[in-house]
Amino acid sequence: MPRKVTKNTADEKAPAKNQVSSVRKLKLLVTVIDRSKTLFYVDLLEQFEVNVQMVLYGKGTADSQIRDLLGLTESEKSVIISYIREDKVKEALETLDEKFHKVKNGKGIAFTVALDSIIGVSMYQLLSNDRTVVPKEGDKKS
């Protein structure tokens, strides 16, 4: 059963209280880009309230003829793994798609993977950038 989130209806800037809403689902966003554009895309994803990202460095195995055929410039790639709230996914993917087409040598691919569960309220709060989750009465405090 989903946990409940409280939000303050009186003052937008005050800590969240009083109004109850459902916990939002998370997805794992995987973005594969040229290594030289890693910091650009990490910074870009932060605007979608992505708190946790991991960058993995890789090297493609395609030879230069195949890379030329596919329009790829480099064989050195970065894989950015980000945790993102489901309500931010559509906007993030649209922005990434736009940047893949407009940024010089900024081509890449991005996709999401659904997450079924996360252990712990504190971990959910960190990954979702949401500090307003209220634990159920039987839950231990972290």
C-alpha atoms as a PDB file:
ATOM      1  CA  MET A   1       0.000   0.000   0.000  1.00  0.00           C
ATOM      2  CA  PRO A   2       1.445   3.407  -0.939  1.00  0.00           C
ATOM      3  CA  ARG A   3       2.558   5.763   1.773  1.00  0.00           C
ATOM      4  CA  LYS A   4       0.942   9.173   2.034  1.00  0.00           C
ATOM      5  CA  VAL A   5       2.576  12.548   1.496  1.00  0.00           C
ATOM      6  CA  THR A   6       1.391  15.687   3.261  1.00  0.00           C
ATOM      7  CA  LYS A   7       1.452  19.154   1.737  1.00  0.00           C
ATOM      8  CA  ASN A   8       0.776  22.530   3.283  1.00  0.00           C
ATOM      9  CA  THR A   9      -2.099  24.350   1.599  1.00  0.00           C
ATOM     10  CA  ALA A  10      -1.676  27.665   3.459  1.00  0.00           C
ATOM     11  CA  ASP A  11       1.864  28.675   2.501  1.00  0.00           C
ATOM     12  CA  GLU A  12       3.796  27.311  -0.482  1.00  0.00           C
ATOM     13  CA  LYS A  13       7.200  28.072   1.097  1.00  0.00           C
ATOM     14  CA  ALA A  14       6.485  26.552   4.504  1.00  0.00           C
ATOM     15  CA  PRO A  15       7.243  22.890   5.296  1.00  0.00           C
ATOM     16  CA  ALA A  16       4.662  20.501   3.909  1.00  0.00           C
ATOM     17  CA  LYS A  17       1.686  19.650   6.170  1.00  0.00           C
ATOM     18  CA  ASN A  18      -2.071  19.027   6.192  1.00  0.00           C
ATOM     19  CA  GLN A  19      -2.987  18.039   2.580  1.00  0.00           C
ATOM     20  CA  VAL A  20      -2.468  14.336   1.744  1.00  0.00           C
ATOM     21  CA  SER A  21      -1.440  12.959  -1.658  1.00  0.00           C
ATOM     22  CA  SER A  22      -0.039   9.663  -2.968  1.00  0.00           C
ATOM     23  CA  VAL A  23       3.623   8.781  -3.181  1.00  0.00           C
ATOM     24  CA  ARG A  24       4.923   9.216  -6.725  1.00  0.00           C
ATOM     25  CA  LYS A  25       6.555   6.294  -8.520  1.00  0.00           C
ATOM     26  CA  LEU A  26      10.203   6.350  -9.558  1.00  0.00           C
ATOM     27  CA  LYS A  27      11.900   5.236 -12.748  1.00  0.00           C
ATOM     28  CA  LEU A  28      15.482   4.533 -13.665  1.00  0.00           C
ATOM     29  CA  LEU A  29      16.554   6.791 -16.552  1.00  0.00           C
ATOM     30  CA  VAL A  30      19.452   5.464 -18.628  1.00  0.00           C
ATOM     31  CA  THR A  31      21.181   7.933 -20.961  1.00  0.00           C
ATOM     32  CA  VAL A  32      24.022   6.898 -23.302  1.00  0.00           C
ATOM     33  CA  ILE A  33      26.051   9.772 -24.750  1.00  0.00           C
ATOM     34  CA  ASP A  34      29.521  10.696 -26.022  1.00  0.00           C
ATOM     35  CA  ARG A  35      31.917  10.954 -23.104  1.00  0.00           C
ATOM     36  CA  SER A  36      32.807  14.573 -23.919  1.00  0.00           C
ATOM     37  CA  LYS A  37      29.187  15.633 -23.212  1.00  0.00           C
ATOM     38  CA  THR A  38      28.856  13.888 -19.828  1.00  0.00           C
ATOM     39  CA  LEU A  39      28.853  16.975 -17.596  1.00  0.00           C
ATOM     40  CA  PHE A  40      26.440  18.798 -19.909  1.00  0.00           C
ATOM     41  CA  TYR A  41      23.852  16.003 -19.661  1.00  0.00           C
ATOM     42  CA  VAL A  42      24.374  15.424 -15.916  1.00  0.00           C
ATOM     43  CA  ASP A  43      23.681  19.129 -15.317  1.00  0.00           C
ATOM     44  CA  LEU A  44      20.725  19.064 -17.718  1.00  0.00           C
ATOM     45  CA  LEU A  45      19.074  16.174 -15.849  1.00  0.00           C
ATOM     46  CA  GLU A  46      19.392  17.957 -12.496  1.00  0.00           C
ATOM     47  CA  GLN A  47      16.691  20.432 -13.580  1.00  0.00           C
ATOM     48  CA  PHE A  48      14.181  17.548 -13.377  1.00  0.00           C
ATOM     49  CA  GLU A  49      14.817  17.099  -9.629  1.00  0.00           C
ATOM     50  CA  VAL A  50      17.215  14.209 -10.159  1.00  0.00           C
ATOM     51  CA  ASN A  51      19.184  13.876  -6.910  1.00  0.00           C
ATOM     52  CA  VAL A  52      21.109  10.668  -7.564  1.00  0.00           C
ATOM     53  CA  GLN A  53      23.061   9.960 -10.747  1.00  0.00           C
ATOM     54  CA  MET A  54      25.816   7.492 -11.531  1.00  0.00           C
ATOM     55  CA  VAL A  55      28.111   7.807 -14.528  1.00  0.00           C
ATOM     56  CA  LEU A  56      29.674   4.710 -16.072  1.00  0.00           C
ATOM     57  CA  TYR A  57      32.387   5.053 -18.699  1.00  0.00           C
ATOM     58  CA  GLY A  58      32.520   2.660 -21.619  1.00  0.00           C
ATOM     59  CA  LYS A  59      34.129   2.181 -24.985  1.00  0.00           C
ATOM     60  CA  GLY A  60      32.221   1.027 -28.030  1.00  0.00           C
ATOM     61  CA  THR A  61      33.487  -1.901 -30.066  1.00  0.00           C
ATOM     62  CA  ALA A  62      32.272  -0.787 -33.500  1.00  0.00           C
ATOM     63  CA  ASP A  63      34.987  -0.046 -36.048  1.00  0.00           C
ATOM     64  CA  SER A  64      35.263   3.342 -37.748  1.00  0.00           C
ATOM     65  CA  GLN A  65      33.331   2.256 -40.875  1.00  0.00           C
ATOM     66  CA  ILE A  66      30.265   1.248 -38.862  1.00  0.00           C
ATOM     67  CA  ARG A  67      30.506   4.383 -36.693  1.00  0.00           C
ATOM     68  CA  ASP A  68      30.596   6.520 -39.842  1.00  0.00           C
ATOM     69  CA  LEU A  69      27.600   4.639 -41.249  1.00  0.00           C
ATOM     70  CA  LEU A  70      25.609   5.208 -38.025  1.00  0.00           C
ATOM     71  CA  GLY A  71      26.747   8.826 -37.685  1.00  0.00           C
ATOM     72  CA  LEU A  72      28.595   8.233 -34.421  1.00  0.00           C
ATOM     73  CA  THR A  73      31.625  10.398 -33.780  1.00  0.00           C
ATOM     74  CA  GLU A  74      33.345   8.763 -30.809  1.00  0.00           C
ATOM     75  CA  SER A  75      33.681   5.241 -29.497  1.00  0.00           C
ATOM     76  CA  GLU A  76      34.144   6.432 -25.891  1.00  0.00           C
ATOM     77  CA  LYS A  77      30.728   6.703 -24.245  1.00  0.00           C
ATOM     78  CA  SER A  78      29.189   7.551 -20.893  1.00  0.00           C
ATOM     79  CA  VAL A  79      26.155   5.855 -19.455  1.00  0.00           C
ATOM     80  CA  ILE A  80      24.293   8.069 -16.992  1.00  0.00           C
ATOM     81  CA  ILE A  81      21.970   6.211 -14.642  1.00  0.00           C
ATOM     82  CA  SER A  82      19.510   8.539 -12.907  1.00  0.00           C
ATOM     83  CA  TYR A  83      16.584   8.061 -10.538  1.00  0.00           C
ATOM     84  CA  ILE A  84      13.689  10.255 -11.648  1.00  0.00           C
ATOM     85  CA  ARG A  85      10.072  10.660 -10.558  1.00  0.00           C
ATOM     86  CA  GLU A  86       7.548   9.281 -13.016  1.00  0.00           C
ATOM     87  CA  ASP A  87       5.819  12.666 -13.361  1.00  0.00           C
ATOM     88  CA  LYS A  88       9.099  14.190 -14.665  1.00  0.00           C
ATOM     89  CA  VAL A  89       9.949  11.438 -17.189  1.00  0.00           C
ATOM     90  CA  LYS A  90       8.027  12.742 -20.215  1.00  0.00           C
ATOM     91  CA  GLU A  91       9.474  16.247 -19.933  1.00  0.00           C
ATOM     92  CA  ALA A  92      13.008  14.894 -19.342  1.00  0.00           C
ATOM     93  CA  LEU A  93      12.876  12.573 -22.367  1.00  0.00           C
ATOM     94  CA  GLU A  94      11.519  15.359 -24.585  1.00  0.00           C
ATOM     95  CA  THR A  95      14.308  17.700 -23.460  1.00  0.00           C
ATOM     96  CA  LEU A  96      16.942  15.012 -24.015  1.00  0.00           C
ATOM     97  CA  ASP A  97      15.552  14.294 -27.493  1.00  0.00           C
ATOM     98  CA  GLU A  98      15.720  17.986 -28.333  1.00  0.00           C
ATOM     99  CA  LYS A  99      19.334  18.248 -27.108  1.00  0.00           C
ATOM    100  CA  PHE A 100      20.333  15.069 -29.001  1.00  0.00           C
ATOM    101  CA  HIS A 101      19.302  16.838 -32.218  1.00  0.00           C
ATOM    102  CA  LYS A 102      20.508  20.396 -31.501  1.00  0.00           C
ATOM    103  CA  VAL A 103      23.802  20.040 -29.594  1.00  0.00           C
ATOM    104  CA  LYS A 104      26.883  19.523 -31.752  1.00  0.00           C
ATOM    105  CA  ASN A 105      28.154  15.957 -31.193  1.00  0.00           C
ATOM    106  CA  GLY A 106      25.399  15.599 -28.613  1.00  0.00           C
ATOM    107  CA  LYS A 107      23.739  12.501 -30.047  1.00  0.00           C
ATOM    108  CA  GLY A 108      22.631   9.831 -27.637  1.00  0.00           C
ATOM    109  CA  ILE A 109      19.891   7.505 -26.539  1.00  0.00           C
ATOM    110  CA  ALA A 110      17.724   7.576 -23.424  1.00  0.00           C
ATOM    111  CA  PHE A 111      15.176   5.164 -21.995  1.00  0.00           C
ATOM    112  CA  THR A 112      13.520   4.370 -18.675  1.00  0.00           C
ATOM    113  CA  VAL A 113      13.091   1.233 -16.614  1.00  0.00           C
ATOM    114  CA  ALA A 114      10.284   0.919 -14.060  1.00  0.00           C
ATOM    115  CA  LEU A 115      11.208   0.406 -10.404  1.00  0.00           C
ATOM    116  CA  ASP A 116       8.877  -1.848  -8.428  1.00  0.00           C
ATOM    117  CA  SER A 117      10.027  -1.038  -4.924  1.00  0.00           C
ATOM    118  CA  ILE A 118      12.547   0.811  -2.806  1.00  0.00           C
ATOM    119  CA  ILE A 119      13.470  -0.178   0.705  1.00  0.00           C
ATOM    120  CA  GLY A 120      13.094   2.573   3.270  1.00  0.00           C
ATOM    121  CA  VAL A 121      11.385   5.919   3.537  1.00  0.00           C
ATOM    122  CA  SER A 122      14.703   7.782   3.755  1.00  0.00           C
ATOM    123  CA  MET A 123      15.949   6.159   0.557  1.00  0.00           C
ATOM    124  CA  TYR A 124      12.708   7.062  -1.238  1.00  0.00           C
ATOM    125  CA  GLN A 125      12.979  10.656  -0.001  1.00  0.00           C
ATOM    126  CA  LEU A 126      16.527  10.934  -1.342  1.00  0.00           C
ATOM    127  CA  LEU A 127      15.788   9.377  -4.738  1.00  0.00           C
ATOM    128  CA  SER A 128      12.533  11.271  -5.315  1.00  0.00           C
ATOM    129  CA  ASN A 129      13.718  14.626  -3.928  1.00  0.00           C
ATOM    130  CA  ASP A 130      10.693  14.533  -1.625  1.00  0.00           C
ATOM    131  CA  ARG A 131      11.185  15.175   2.104  1.00  0.00           C
ATOM    132  CA  THR A 132       7.460  15.236   2.894  1.00  0.00           C
ATOM    133  CA  VAL A 133       6.785  11.489   3.044  1.00  0.00           C
ATOM    134  CA  VAL A 134       5.233  10.583   6.377  1.00  0.00           C
ATOM    135  CA  PRO A 135       6.050   7.066   7.653  1.00  0.00           C
ATOM    136  CA  LYS A 136       3.242   4.793   8.792  1.00  0.00           C
ATOM    137  CA  GLU A 137       2.841   4.488  12.560  1.00  0.00           C
ATOM    138  CA  GLY A 138       4.464   1.030  12.756  1.00  0.00           C
ATOM    139  CA  ASP A 139       7.588   2.044  10.800  1.00  0.00           C
ATOM    140  CA  LYS A 140      10.886   2.628  12.598  1.00  0.00           C
ATOM    141  CA  LYS A 141      12.459   6.084  12.400  1.00  0.00           C
ATOM    142  CA  SER A 142      15.784   6.279  10.537  1.00  0.00           C
END
